């Protein structure tokens, strides 16, 4: 079983809002999906039943959601600058992940190769967090 959930930042004029600028309804949505969507507290409860509870923490991935915010082929200078800034922070290839790269992590965690892994968050971000 895979439970996939996660939403990101709120944008205005192509820039992400700072926490104090984020409307409460948007904050509630982000926290509700991201906080309740992954139930790592279930790890100990379900381990005895050999149910693995893991999470994937993807970085920026080139998905339709991201295309709506900053399309690859946009001619808008602000969007081009935002994409360039994000891609420059990716130590593995100066690019965003492709969806199949995140899906491969899910396939690994669902495979027999991950038979002794539970309670783990697998970061799939091209080294973005390591560079912070």
Protein backbone atom coordinates (compact mmCIF):
# COMPACT_ATOMS: atom_id res chain seq x y z
CA UNK A 1 0.00 0.00 0.00
CA UNK A 2 1.23 3.48 -0.80
CA UNK A 3 -0.20 6.61 0.77
CA UNK A 4 0.93 9.56 -1.31
CA UNK A 5 0.39 13.06 0.02
CA UNK A 6 2.16 16.35 -0.02
CA UNK A 7 1.61 19.95 -0.98
CA UNK A 8 4.03 22.81 -1.06
CA UNK A 9 4.47 26.51 -0.85
CA UNK A 10 2.03 29.22 -1.76
CA UNK A 11 3.18 31.65 -4.45
CA UNK A 12 2.38 35.28 -5.28
CA UNK A 13 3.85 36.95 -8.34
CA UNK A 14 6.14 33.96 -8.92
CA UNK A 15 7.73 34.11 -5.45
CA UNK A 16 6.99 31.87 -2.48
CA UNK A 17 5.28 33.56 0.43
CA UNK A 18 7.05 33.70 3.75
CA UNK A 19 5.30 31.97 6.65
CA UNK A 20 3.84 35.18 8.08
CA UNK A 21 2.41 36.05 4.63
CA UNK A 22 0.72 32.68 4.11
CA UNK A 23 -3.06 32.86 4.59
CA UNK A 24 -4.31 30.69 7.46
CA UNK A 25 -6.53 28.58 5.17
CA UNK A 26 -3.49 27.76 3.00
CA UNK A 27 -1.33 26.94 6.04
CA UNK A 28 -4.07 24.65 7.38
CA UNK A 29 -4.23 22.84 4.03
CA UNK A 30 -0.45 22.41 3.85
CA UNK A 31 -0.19 21.16 7.43
CA UNK A 32 -3.28 18.94 7.12
CA UNK A 33 -2.07 17.16 4.00
CA UNK A 34 1.61 16.96 4.90
CA UNK A 35 1.12 16.23 8.62
CA UNK A 36 -1.74 13.76 8.41
CA UNK A 37 -0.76 12.29 5.06
CA UNK A 38 2.22 10.41 6.48
CA UNK A 39 1.63 8.33 9.57
CA UNK A 40 5.09 7.43 10.83
CA UNK A 41 3.61 6.98 14.29
CA UNK A 42 2.09 3.77 12.91
CA UNK A 43 5.51 2.17 12.49
CA UNK A 44 5.67 0.48 15.88
CA UNK A 45 2.01 -0.40 15.95
CA UNK A 46 2.10 -2.20 12.58
CA UNK A 47 5.62 -3.61 12.55
CA UNK A 48 4.43 -6.74 14.38
CA UNK A 49 2.10 -7.33 11.42
CA UNK A 50 5.07 -6.95 9.03
CA UNK A 51 3.60 -3.76 7.62
CA UNK A 52 6.33 -1.31 6.67
CA UNK A 53 5.68 2.37 7.27
CA UNK A 54 8.07 4.66 5.41
CA UNK A 55 7.90 8.06 3.81
CA UNK A 56 9.41 9.66 0.73
CA UNK A 57 10.44 13.30 0.96
CA UNK A 58 10.81 14.48 -2.61
CA UNK A 59 12.42 17.73 -3.58
CA UNK A 60 11.36 19.70 -6.60
CA UNK A 61 10.07 17.37 -9.32
CA UNK A 62 8.94 18.32 -12.80
CA UNK A 63 5.25 17.48 -12.39
CA UNK A 64 2.07 19.12 -13.70
CA UNK A 65 1.79 20.97 -10.37
CA UNK A 66 5.17 22.58 -10.93
CA UNK A 67 4.35 23.24 -14.59
CA UNK A 68 1.39 25.33 -13.41
CA UNK A 69 3.71 27.44 -11.25
CA UNK A 70 6.79 27.63 -13.47
CA UNK A 71 6.58 25.99 -16.87
CA UNK A 72 9.87 24.81 -18.42
CA UNK A 73 9.17 26.68 -21.63
CA UNK A 74 8.03 29.94 -20.02
CA UNK A 75 9.47 33.13 -21.48
CA UNK A 76 8.60 35.11 -18.33
CA UNK A 77 11.91 36.39 -16.88
CA UNK A 78 10.71 35.98 -13.28
CA UNK A 79 9.78 32.34 -13.88
CA UNK A 80 13.05 31.69 -15.72
CA UNK A 81 14.98 33.20 -12.80
CA UNK A 82 13.03 31.14 -10.25
CA UNK A 83 13.66 27.90 -12.17
CA UNK A 84 17.35 28.75 -12.57
CA UNK A 85 17.66 29.48 -8.85
CA UNK A 86 16.04 26.17 -7.85
CA UNK A 87 18.00 24.15 -10.40
CA UNK A 88 21.30 25.75 -9.31
CA UNK A 89 20.71 24.39 -5.78
CA UNK A 90 20.50 20.79 -7.05
CA UNK A 91 23.96 19.22 -6.60
CA UNK A 92 23.01 16.27 -8.84
CA UNK A 93 22.77 17.76 -12.29
CA UNK A 94 21.37 21.26 -11.77
CA UNK A 95 17.86 20.11 -12.62
CA UNK A 96 14.65 19.07 -10.97
CA UNK A 97 13.74 15.43 -10.49
CA UNK A 98 11.69 13.60 -13.06
CA UNK A 99 8.57 11.89 -11.64
CA UNK A 100 9.95 8.42 -12.44
CA UNK A 101 12.93 9.10 -10.14
CA UNK A 102 10.62 9.66 -7.18
CA UNK A 103 8.49 6.68 -8.24
CA UNK A 104 11.61 4.51 -8.27
CA UNK A 105 12.12 5.28 -4.58
CA UNK A 106 8.55 4.14 -3.89
CA UNK A 107 9.14 0.94 -5.86
CA UNK A 108 12.29 0.28 -3.84
CA UNK A 109 10.49 0.75 -0.52
CA UNK A 110 7.71 -1.59 -1.70
CA UNK A 111 10.17 -4.24 -2.85
CA UNK A 112 11.76 -7.21 -1.11
CA UNK A 113 15.03 -5.24 -1.16
CA UNK A 114 13.53 -3.03 1.57
CA UNK A 115 12.30 -5.96 3.68
CA UNK A 116 14.04 -4.69 6.84
CA UNK A 117 13.32 -0.98 6.42
CA UNK A 118 10.55 0.70 8.38
CA UNK A 119 10.12 4.05 10.08
CA UNK A 120 12.38 5.70 7.53
CA UNK A 121 12.05 8.88 5.50
CA UNK A 122 13.85 8.55 2.18
CA UNK A 123 14.82 11.95 0.82
CA UNK A 124 14.79 12.10 -2.98
CA UNK A 125 15.94 15.64 -3.70
CA UNK A 126 19.16 15.45 -5.69
CA UNK A 127 21.15 16.63 -2.67
CA UNK A 128 19.12 19.84 -2.21
CA UNK A 129 18.88 19.48 1.58
CA UNK A 130 22.52 18.49 1.92
CA UNK A 131 23.48 21.77 0.28
CA UNK A 132 21.51 23.92 2.72
